[in-house]
Amino acid sequence: MASLSVADGGASVPQRRHLVTEVPGPRSRALATRRAAAVAAGVAGTLPVFVDRAGGGILLDVDGNAFVDLGSGIAVTSVGNAAPEVVRAVRSQAGRFTHTCFMVTPYEEYVEVCEELARLTPGGHDKRSVLVNSGAEAVENAVKVARRATGRDAVVVLDHAYHGRTNLTMAMTAKAMPYKTGFGPFAGEVYRVPASYPLRDPAGLTGAQAAARATAMIDAQVGADQVACVVVEPILGEGGFVVPAAGFLPALATWCRDRGVLLVADEVQTGFARTGDWFACDDEGVVPDLVATAKGIAGGLPLGAVTGRAELMDAVHVGGLGGTYGGNPVACAAALATLRTYRDLDLVAAARRIGALVHDRLTDVAARTPAVAQVRGRGAMQAVELVRPGTLEPDPAAARRVAQECSRRGVLVLTCGTYGNVLRLLPPLVISVELLDDALDVLAAALVEDVTPG
């Protein structure tokens, strides 16, 4: 197999796993005590250490332990942590000016990011963008645009969806705990229909049939003429990295187009080379009306966007879109450098190579591990769903144990899923074959030791 792109980001951070203390070490434990006294208890934590430096695919903690990062800050640092071109761009822009508010005094970098989004997002039509601060804000603004452009109110989302933590996006999110419990009442006119979940759907259900199941529910329970938009993650993220059956998204797109309903692609986690295409919708040639992006756009700085058909985006009255920090100049500079890095290192191809390597390794483990119900994903967005052997009953405790054991051995692995039973892998696209192989050795051992009988 050809070498993946080698991480040169954070050159002072050696690209190898190395533990010098127990996990967590003494300095991390001391900081955890301070955290408990100062940080709200509702803020979760995954890796029980505090990071001192990070570069490429390595996180270095305050005790000197080096962890392989298979999370990328939840698909954010896809170009590697502290990617050199991103660091240079941030330093340069911060030295020029850090903020003016684009709505008060505009600057070229904001315009240039919007031009890049018009070139990269699916479809060759005329496009416009608005820049915001986060994925949730991007989704919320996409709904605003859709409602204004169509004059309709209803928003349709899928089972297992995750769209954010604002009031509207909590309503759009499927999973109650920890995202919604105790935080209602939520925004209205949000309706949920079944997604395509091949592992848990009736045997033989095709993508087109799964789409027909969803759209029949919209027709019967909402009415297509009331629907402003259908919002979909092309691959369900927090819901379990669920890849829909082939044909599901195209059929949904056709239904929307035929009824004047806008199709909004939430590409917050799937966008920017993560799945082996610039955007996950590209895999089946689906062209959404509006695309929400964030995470991998700016190499770790907070930035999100809505990009859509010009006539839709321009249907909003002047002043109806924007925000004080949206499209911050330093974040825009980081985004432009990040996009150059994707191109210069051909990270779209790298994501495909990562996907092939991870899928092959995990499929081999699955053949020896009855608790692995499915290995799935696309590109560098891969997952393992764990169940009680011989059933499809989710086993979230096993997923937690495996992730914790990986952490103890120096590898960061995230969990997800509506049932909390999915291990998700989001390695930086610049990770080396050697580092990725080492991390997969750890994960494979943790899986086999934890969930294989005997």
Protein backbone atom coordinates (compact mmCIF):
# COMPACT_ATOMS: atom_id res chain seq x y z
CA MET A 1 0.00 0.00 0.00
CA ALA A 2 1.30 3.46 -0.87
CA SER A 3 2.32 5.67 2.03
CA LEU A 4 -0.22 8.05 3.40
CA SER A 5 0.68 11.72 3.59
CA VAL A 6 3.26 12.09 6.36
CA ALA A 7 2.39 14.61 9.03
CA ASP A 8 4.84 17.49 9.18
CA GLY A 9 2.57 19.58 11.39
CA GLY A 10 3.90 20.31 14.85
CA ALA A 11 7.37 19.12 13.88
CA SER A 12 8.48 19.31 17.51
CA VAL A 13 6.02 16.51 18.36
CA PRO A 14 7.48 13.12 17.38
CA GLN A 15 4.98 11.00 15.49
CA ARG A 16 4.97 7.96 17.77
CA ARG A 17 2.95 6.60 20.65
CA HIS A 18 4.89 6.73 23.90
CA LEU A 19 3.78 6.44 27.53
CA VAL A 20 6.01 7.54 30.41
CA THR A 21 3.45 7.51 33.25
CA GLU A 22 0.21 5.81 34.09
CA VAL A 23 -2.85 7.32 32.41
CA PRO A 24 -3.75 9.82 33.69
CA GLY A 25 -0.41 10.99 35.04
CA PRO A 26 0.18 13.11 38.14
CA ARG A 27 0.03 16.51 36.44
CA SER A 28 -3.19 15.59 34.63
CA ARG A 29 -4.72 14.39 37.90
CA ALA A 30 -3.83 17.68 39.55
CA LEU A 31 -5.41 19.61 36.69
CA ALA A 32 -8.50 17.40 36.91
CA THR A 33 -8.92 18.54 40.50
CA ARG A 34 -8.71 22.17 39.40
CA ARG A 35 -11.15 21.48 36.57
CA ALA A 36 -13.70 19.99 38.95
CA ALA A 37 -13.56 23.17 41.06
CA ALA A 38 -13.85 25.60 38.14
CA VAL A 39 -15.54 23.99 35.10
CA ALA A 40 -19.26 23.19 34.94
CA ALA A 41 -19.93 19.51 35.61
CA GLY A 42 -22.08 19.32 32.48
CA VAL A 43 -19.00 19.62 30.23
CA ALA A 44 -18.03 16.05 29.33
CA GLY A 45 -14.56 14.61 28.92
CA THR A 46 -13.16 11.66 26.94
CA LEU A 47 -9.40 11.30 27.27
CA PRO A 48 -8.57 11.68 30.99
CA VAL A 49 -5.45 13.79 30.41
CA PHE A 50 -4.64 17.42 29.70
CA VAL A 51 -2.94 18.26 26.40
CA ASP A 52 0.25 20.31 26.36
CA ARG A 53 1.11 20.15 22.65
CA ALA A 54 -0.23 18.45 19.55
CA GLY A 55 1.06 17.93 16.05
CA GLY A 56 0.05 15.80 13.10
CA GLY A 57 -1.56 12.70 14.59
CA ILE A 58 -0.14 12.94 18.12
CA LEU A 59 -1.46 14.52 21.32
CA LEU A 60 1.25 15.15 23.96
CA ASP A 61 -0.05 15.51 27.50
CA VAL A 62 1.32 17.53 30.41
CA ASP A 63 3.04 14.43 31.81
CA GLY A 64 4.92 13.73 28.56
CA ASN A 65 2.69 10.91 27.32
CA ALA A 66 2.13 10.78 23.55
CA PHE A 67 -1.26 9.53 22.35
CA VAL A 68 -2.28 8.63 18.81
CA ASP A 69 -5.22 10.84 17.91
CA LEU A 70 -7.99 8.90 16.18
CA GLY A 71 -10.52 11.63 16.89
CA SER A 72 -9.11 14.79 15.27
CA GLY A 73 -11.07 16.94 17.70
CA ILE A 74 -14.22 15.28 16.27
CA ALA A 75 -13.18 15.61 12.60
CA VAL A 76 -11.82 19.15 13.00
CA THR A 77 -8.04 18.83 12.66
CA SER A 78 -8.20 16.78 9.47
CA VAL A 79 -5.05 18.46 8.12
CA GLY A 80 -3.24 17.58 11.34
CA ASN A 81 -2.94 19.52 14.55
CA ALA A 82 -0.83 22.66 14.24
CA ALA A 83 -0.55 22.18 10.47
CA PRO A 84 2.36 24.42 9.38
CA GLU A 85 0.54 26.44 6.72
CA VAL A 86 -2.40 26.99 9.05
CA VAL A 87 -0.12 28.17 11.85
CA ARG A 88 1.65 30.60 9.51
CA ALA A 89 -1.64 31.98 8.22
CA VAL A 90 -3.04 32.48 11.73
CA ARG A 91 0.09 34.25 12.93
CA SER A 92 0.16 36.53 9.90
CA GLN A 93 -3.52 37.47 10.07
CA ALA A 94 -3.48 37.99 13.85
CA GLY A 95 -0.65 40.45 13.35
CA ARG A 96 -2.67 42.43 10.78
CA PHE A 97 -6.05 42.57 12.59
CA THR A 98 -8.08 40.14 14.67
CA HIS A 99 -11.62 41.47 14.24
CA THR A 100 -13.70 44.20 12.67
CA CYS A 101 -17.06 42.39 12.18
CA PHE A 102 -17.62 41.72 8.49
CA MET A 103 -21.01 43.44 8.65
CA VAL A 104 -19.31 46.64 9.82
CA THR A 105 -16.00 46.69 7.98
CA PRO A 106 -15.58 43.82 5.47
CA TYR A 107 -12.33 42.16 4.46
CA GLU A 108 -11.15 40.08 1.53
CA GLU A 109 -10.56 36.83 3.43
CA TYR A 110 -14.28 36.37 4.10
CA VAL A 111 -15.07 36.82 0.42
CA GLU A 112 -12.28 34.42 -0.57
CA VAL A 113 -13.60 31.68 1.72
CA CYS A 114 -17.05 32.08 0.16
CA GLU A 115 -15.51 31.86 -3.31
CA GLU A 116 -13.76 28.63 -2.32
CA LEU A 117 -17.00 27.17 -0.97
CA ALA A 118 -18.77 27.98 -4.21
CA ARG A 119 -16.08 26.05 -6.11
CA LEU A 120 -15.91 23.04 -3.80
CA THR A 121 -19.48 22.27 -2.71
CA PRO A 122 -21.57 19.97 -4.94
CA GLY A 123 -23.10 21.39 -8.12
CA GLY A 124 -22.02 23.88 -10.74
CA HIS A 125 -24.83 26.37 -10.14
CA ASP A 126 -24.42 29.96 -8.97
CA LYS A 127 -23.90 29.98 -5.19
CA ARG A 128 -23.70 32.32 -2.24
CA SER A 129 -22.46 31.71 1.33
CA VAL A 130 -22.74 33.12 4.81
CA LEU A 131 -20.02 32.43 7.39
CA VAL A 132 -20.85 31.64 11.01
CA ASN A 133 -19.14 30.25 14.11
CA SER A 134 -20.13 26.58 14.40
CA GLY A 135 -21.90 23.64 12.85
CA ALA A 136 -25.05 24.16 14.88
CA GLU A 137 -25.18 27.78 13.80
CA ALA A 138 -24.71 26.71 10.18
CA VAL A 139 -27.62 24.27 10.38
CA GLU A 140 -29.82 26.83 12.08
CA ASN A 141 -29.08 29.42 9.40
CA ALA A 142 -29.76 26.88 6.66
CA VAL A 143 -33.23 26.38 8.13
CA LYS A 144 -33.75 30.16 8.28
CA VAL A 145 -32.84 30.45 4.60
CA ALA A 146 -35.08 27.53 3.64
CA ARG A 147 -38.07 28.94 5.48
CA ARG A 148 -37.61 32.41 4.05
CA ALA A 149 -37.05 31.17 0.49
CA THR A 150 -40.00 28.75 0.44
CA GLY A 151 -42.48 30.52 2.70
CA ARG A 152 -43.05 27.22 4.49
CA ASP A 153 -42.44 26.27 8.12
CA ALA A 154 -41.96 22.52 8.50
CA VAL A 155 -38.49 21.00 8.84
CA VAL A 156 -38.01 17.26 8.35
CA VAL A 157 -35.07 15.38 9.89
CA LEU A 158 -34.05 11.74 10.21
CA ASP A 159 -33.97 9.20 13.01
CA HIS A 160 -30.49 9.02 14.61
CA ALA A 161 -29.69 12.56 13.45
CA TYR A 162 -27.44 14.97 15.29
CA HIS A 163 -27.49 18.64 14.30
CA GLY A 164 -26.33 20.64 17.32
CA ARG A 165 -27.03 22.06 20.77
CA THR A 166 -29.01 25.25 20.11
CA ASN A 167 -32.72 25.15 20.82
CA LEU A 168 -33.65 24.54 17.19
CA THR A 169 -30.88 22.05 16.51
CA MET A 170 -31.65 20.17 19.74
CA ALA A 171 -35.18 19.78 18.38
CA MET A 172 -33.65 18.44 15.16
CA THR A 173 -31.35 16.05 17.03
CA ALA A 174 -32.72 12.57 17.75
CA LYS A 175 -30.76 11.44 20.80
CA ALA A 176 -32.20 12.56 24.12
CA MET A 177 -29.34 11.91 26.54
CA PRO A 178 -27.11 13.86 26.91
CA TYR A 179 -28.16 16.37 24.26
CA LYS A 180 -31.82 17.15 24.97
CA THR A 181 -32.85 15.79 28.36
CA GLY A 182 -34.14 18.55 30.62
CA PHE A 183 -33.60 21.37 28.13
CA GLY A 184 -37.05 21.70 26.54
CA PRO A 185 -39.44 22.91 25.37
CA PHE A 186 -37.91 22.91 21.91
CA ALA A 187 -38.61 24.78 18.70
CA GLY A 188 -41.68 23.58 16.86
CA GLU A 189 -42.45 22.43 13.32
CA VAL A 190 -39.70 19.79 13.36
CA TYR A 191 -40.74 16.32 12.17
CA ARG A 192 -38.75 13.08 12.26
CA VAL A 193 -38.85 10.22 9.75
CA PRO A 194 -36.94 6.92 9.50
CA ALA A 195 -33.40 6.96 8.19
CA SER A 196 -31.71 4.22 6.20
CA TYR A 197 -29.83 2.07 8.74
CA PRO A 198 -28.89 -1.07 6.83
CA LEU A 199 -27.78 -3.09 9.88
CA ARG A 200 -31.11 -2.54 11.65
CA ASP A 201 -33.51 -2.19 8.72
CA PRO A 202 -35.60 -5.15 7.52
CA ALA A 203 -33.47 -7.52 5.48
CA GLY A 204 -33.33 -6.61 1.81
CA LEU A 205 -34.68 -3.08 2.19
CA THR A 206 -33.09 -1.02 -0.57
CA GLY A 207 -32.07 2.61 -0.35
CA ALA A 208 -34.93 3.62 -2.64
CA GLN A 209 -37.39 1.69 -0.49
CA ALA A 210 -36.04 3.29 2.69
CA ALA A 211 -36.49 6.71 1.07
CA ALA A 212 -40.05 5.82 0.05
CA ARG A 213 -40.77 4.79 3.64
CA ALA A 214 -39.57 8.20 4.86
CA THR A 215 -41.33 10.29 2.22
CA ALA A 216 -44.61 8.40 2.64
CA MET A 217 -44.53 9.44 6.29
CA ILE A 218 -43.90 13.07 5.30
CA ASP A 219 -46.81 13.01 2.86
CA ALA A 220 -49.16 11.44 5.40
CA GLN A 221 -48.16 13.23 8.60
CA VAL A 222 -46.83 16.63 7.51
CA GLY A 223 -47.83 17.32 3.91
CA ALA A 224 -45.15 18.05 1.35
CA ASP A 225 -46.59 21.47 0.62
CA GLN A 226 -45.88 22.47 4.24
CA VAL A 227 -42.22 21.42 4.22
CA ALA A 228 -39.50 24.03 3.82
CA CYS A 229 -36.62 21.55 3.88
CA VAL A 230 -35.42 18.05 4.59
CA VAL A 231 -32.16 18.19 6.53
CA VAL A 232 -29.90 15.13 6.25
CA GLU A 233 -26.44 14.07 7.27
CA PRO A 234 -25.23 12.13 4.20
CA ILE A 235 -23.62 9.76 6.70
CA LEU A 236 -25.19 9.89 10.15
CA GLY A 237 -22.53 11.13 12.56
CA GLU A 238 -23.27 11.08 16.28
CA GLY A 239 -26.07 8.62 15.48
CA GLY A 240 -23.47 5.95 14.75
CA PHE A 241 -21.58 6.67 11.51
CA VAL A 242 -24.45 5.02 9.67
CA VAL A 243 -23.92 4.89 5.90
CA PRO A 244 -27.32 4.82 4.17
CA ALA A 245 -28.06 2.15 1.62
CA ALA A 246 -27.13 3.11 -1.92
CA GLY A 247 -29.93 5.05 -3.58
CA PHE A 248 -31.40 6.49 -0.38
CA LEU A 249 -30.06 10.02 -0.79
CA PRO A 250 -30.71 10.25 -4.56
CA ALA A 251 -34.31 9.12 -4.06
CA LEU A 252 -34.78 11.63 -1.25
CA ALA A 253 -33.29 14.37 -3.43
CA THR A 254 -35.65 13.53 -6.29
CA TRP A 255 -38.68 13.63 -3.97
CA CYS A 256 -37.62 17.03 -2.66
CA ARG A 257 -37.02 18.46 -6.11
CA ASP A 258 -40.37 17.25 -7.42
CA ARG A 259 -42.25 18.91 -4.55
CA GLY A 260 -40.41 22.19 -4.17
CA VAL A 261 -38.85 21.07 -0.88
CA LEU A 262 -35.25 22.14 -0.27
CA LEU A 263 -32.66 19.47 0.46
CA VAL A 264 -30.18 20.62 3.12
CA ALA A 265 -27.03 18.55 3.54
CA ASP A 266 -25.51 18.77 7.00
CA GLU A 267 -21.90 18.10 5.99
CA VAL A 268 -20.51 19.45 9.25
CA GLN A 269 -18.75 16.19 10.10
CA THR A 270 -18.58 14.57 6.67
CA GLY A 271 -17.29 17.54 4.68
CA PHE A 272 -13.81 18.51 3.51
CA ALA A 273 -12.21 15.27 2.31
CA ARG A 274 -13.21 13.25 5.38
CA THR A 275 -15.10 10.54 3.44
CA GLY A 276 -12.77 10.34 0.46
CA ASP A 277 -14.61 13.02 -1.52
CA TRP A 278 -14.66 16.75 -0.91
CA PHE A 279 -18.20 16.20 0.39
CA ALA A 280 -20.05 13.01 1.24
CA CYS A 281 -22.88 13.93 -1.14
CA ASP A 282 -20.43 13.62 -4.02
CA ASP A 283 -20.35 9.82 -3.65
CA GLU A 284 -23.74 9.41 -5.36
CA GLY A 285 -23.76 12.71 -7.22
CA VAL A 286 -26.38 14.29 -4.96
CA VAL A 287 -26.53 18.09 -5.29
CA PRO A 288 -28.20 19.68 -2.25
CA ASP A 289 -29.88 23.07 -2.39
CA LEU A 290 -28.06 24.17 0.77
CA VAL A 291 -24.93 22.79 2.45
CA ALA A 292 -24.00 23.37 6.10
CA THR A 293 -20.29 23.04 6.91
CA ALA A 294 -17.91 23.55 9.84
CA LYS A 295 -15.41 21.25 11.67
CA GLY A 296 -12.75 20.44 9.03
CA ILE A 297 -12.99 23.82 7.30
CA ALA A 298 -10.42 25.77 9.32
CA GLY A 299 -7.82 23.48 10.85
CA GLY A 300 -9.11 23.89 14.39
CA LEU A 301 -10.38 27.46 14.45
CA PRO A 302 -14.13 28.06 14.92
CA LEU A 303 -15.82 28.61 11.56
CA GLY A 304 -18.97 27.36 9.88
CA ALA A 305 -20.85 28.20 6.71
CA VAL A 306 -24.05 27.82 4.76
CA THR A 307 -23.57 27.60 1.00
CA GLY A 308 -26.48 27.38 -1.35
CA ARG A 309 -28.18 28.28 -4.58
CA ALA A 310 -27.85 32.00 -5.16
CA GLU A 311 -31.58 32.62 -5.51
CA LEU A 312 -32.26 30.91 -2.18
CA MET A 313 -29.50 32.58 -0.21
CA ASP A 314 -30.39 35.98 -1.68
CA ALA A 315 -34.06 35.55 -0.73
CA VAL A 316 -33.18 36.64 2.81
CA HIS A 317 -33.57 40.35 3.51
CA VAL A 318 -30.49 42.48 4.22
CA GLY A 319 -29.49 42.06 7.85
CA GLY A 320 -31.26 38.71 8.17
CA LEU A 321 -28.01 36.74 8.16
CA GLY A 322 -24.76 37.29 10.01
CA GLY A 323 -23.38 37.72 13.50
CA THR A 324 -20.68 39.58 15.36
CA TYR A 325 -17.99 36.90 15.09
CA GLY A 326 -19.17 35.06 11.98
CA GLY A 327 -16.33 34.73 9.50
CA ASN A 328 -13.71 36.06 11.92
CA PRO A 329 -10.64 37.14 9.89
CA VAL A 330 -8.22 34.84 11.72
CA ALA A 331 -10.56 31.88 11.23
CA CYS A 332 -10.93 32.79 7.54
CA ALA A 333 -7.15 32.91 7.11
CA ALA A 334 -6.93 29.49 8.76
CA ALA A 335 -9.64 28.16 6.44
CA LEU A 336 -7.85 29.33 3.31
CA ALA A 337 -4.62 27.71 4.51
CA THR A 338 -6.50 24.53 5.43
CA LEU A 339 -8.08 24.27 1.99
CA ARG A 340 -4.67 24.75 0.36
CA THR A 341 -3.31 21.95 2.53
CA TYR A 342 -6.09 19.57 1.45
CA ARG A 343 -5.13 20.25 -2.15
CA ASP A 344 -1.35 20.31 -1.79
CA LEU A 345 -1.25 16.99 0.09
CA ASP A 346 -4.13 15.44 -1.88
CA LEU A 347 -5.93 14.55 1.32
CA VAL A 348 -9.03 13.40 -0.55
CA ALA A 349 -6.95 10.48 -1.85
CA ALA A 350 -5.34 10.05 1.57
CA ALA A 351 -8.79 9.64 3.15
CA ARG A 352 -9.56 6.83 0.72
CA ARG A 353 -6.30 5.05 1.55
CA ILE A 354 -6.96 5.44 5.27
CA GLY A 355 -10.45 4.03 4.79
CA ALA A 356 -9.16 0.99 2.94
CA LEU A 357 -6.51 0.27 5.57
CA VAL A 358 -8.84 0.74 8.55
CA HIS A 359 -11.69 -1.22 6.99
CA ASP A 360 -9.43 -4.18 6.14
CA ARG A 361 -7.88 -4.29 9.61
CA LEU A 362 -11.19 -3.99 11.45
CA THR A 363 -12.95 -6.48 9.18
CA ASP A 364 -10.28 -9.00 10.08
CA VAL A 365 -10.90 -8.32 13.78
CA ALA A 366 -14.66 -8.60 13.27
CA ALA A 367 -14.26 -12.07 11.80
CA ARG A 368 -12.74 -13.16 15.15
CA THR A 369 -15.00 -11.11 17.41
CA PRO A 370 -18.69 -12.12 17.61
CA ALA A 371 -19.59 -8.88 19.40
CA VAL A 372 -18.72 -6.81 16.32
CA ALA A 373 -22.00 -6.50 14.44
CA GLN A 374 -20.67 -4.32 11.65
CA VAL A 375 -17.62 -2.44 10.43
CA ARG A 376 -18.77 0.48 8.32
CA GLY A 377 -17.88 3.90 7.05
CA ARG A 378 -16.46 5.73 4.11
CA GLY A 379 -12.96 7.11 3.74
CA ALA A 380 -11.42 8.24 7.02
CA MET A 381 -14.79 8.05 8.79
CA GLN A 382 -14.97 4.46 10.04
CA ALA A 383 -16.87 2.76 12.84
CA VAL A 384 -17.38 -0.51 14.70
CA GLU A 385 -20.81 -1.32 16.15
CA LEU A 386 -20.74 -3.59 19.20
CA VAL A 387 -23.61 -5.84 20.28
CA ARG A 388 -24.18 -8.75 22.60
CA PRO A 389 -22.96 -11.79 20.62
CA GLY A 390 -25.66 -13.55 18.65
CA THR A 391 -28.05 -10.58 18.82
CA LEU A 392 -28.40 -7.00 17.63
CA GLU A 393 -28.80 -5.80 21.21
CA PRO A 394 -26.51 -2.79 21.59
CA ASP A 395 -23.62 -3.10 24.07
CA PRO A 396 -22.66 0.42 25.11
CA ALA A 397 -20.71 -0.83 28.12
CA ALA A 398 -18.37 -2.77 25.84
CA ALA A 399 -17.81 0.31 23.68
CA ARG A 400 -16.92 2.34 26.76
CA ARG A 401 -14.55 -0.32 28.06
CA VAL A 402 -12.74 -0.66 24.74
CA ALA A 403 -12.34 3.11 24.38
CA GLN A 404 -11.04 3.37 27.94
CA GLU A 405 -8.56 0.55 27.39
CA CYS A 406 -7.31 2.25 24.22
CA SER A 407 -6.80 5.45 26.21
CA ARG A 408 -4.85 3.55 28.85
CA ARG A 409 -2.57 2.21 26.10
CA GLY A 410 -2.07 5.57 24.40
CA VAL A 411 -4.73 5.74 21.67
CA LEU A 412 -7.69 8.14 21.61
CA VAL A 413 -10.85 6.48 20.27
CA LEU A 414 -14.28 8.12 20.40
CA THR A 415 -17.66 6.50 20.93
CA CYS A 416 -21.01 7.47 19.40
CA GLY A 417 -24.34 6.04 18.34
CA THR A 418 -27.93 6.46 19.39
CA TYR A 419 -27.36 3.49 21.68
CA GLY A 420 -23.81 4.49 22.68
CA ASN A 421 -22.40 1.22 21.29
CA VAL A 422 -20.29 2.46 18.37
CA LEU A 423 -16.55 3.12 18.27
CA ARG A 424 -15.79 5.84 15.74
CA LEU A 425 -12.46 6.54 14.09
CA LEU A 426 -11.64 9.96 12.64
CA PRO A 427 -7.85 10.01 12.20
CA PRO A 428 -6.12 13.07 10.81
CA LEU A 429 -5.79 12.70 7.06
CA VAL A 430 -2.04 13.30 7.36
CA ILE A 431 -1.40 10.34 9.66
CA SER A 432 1.37 7.97 8.57
CA VAL A 433 0.78 4.31 7.81
CA GLU A 434 3.08 3.35 10.65
CA LEU A 435 1.28 5.44 13.25
CA LEU A 436 -2.15 4.32 12.07
CA ASP A 437 -1.10 0.66 12.08
CA ASP A 438 0.21 1.01 15.62
CA ALA A 439 -3.07 2.56 16.78
CA LEU A 440 -5.09 -0.17 15.07
CA ASP A 441 -2.95 -2.82 16.79
CA VAL A 442 -3.99 -1.31 20.12
CA LEU A 443 -7.67 -1.11 19.14
CA ALA A 444 -7.70 -4.65 17.79
CA ALA A 445 -6.14 -6.01 20.98
CA ALA A 446 -8.59 -4.08 23.14
CA LEU A 447 -11.53 -5.40 21.13
CA VAL A 448 -10.42 -9.02 21.16
CA GLU A 449 -9.48 -9.00 24.85
CA ASP A 450 -12.69 -7.28 25.96
CA VAL A 451 -15.48 -8.81 23.96
CA THR A 452 -14.28 -12.20 22.72
CA PRO A 453 -15.53 -15.09 24.90
CA GLY A 454 -12.82 -17.11 26.61
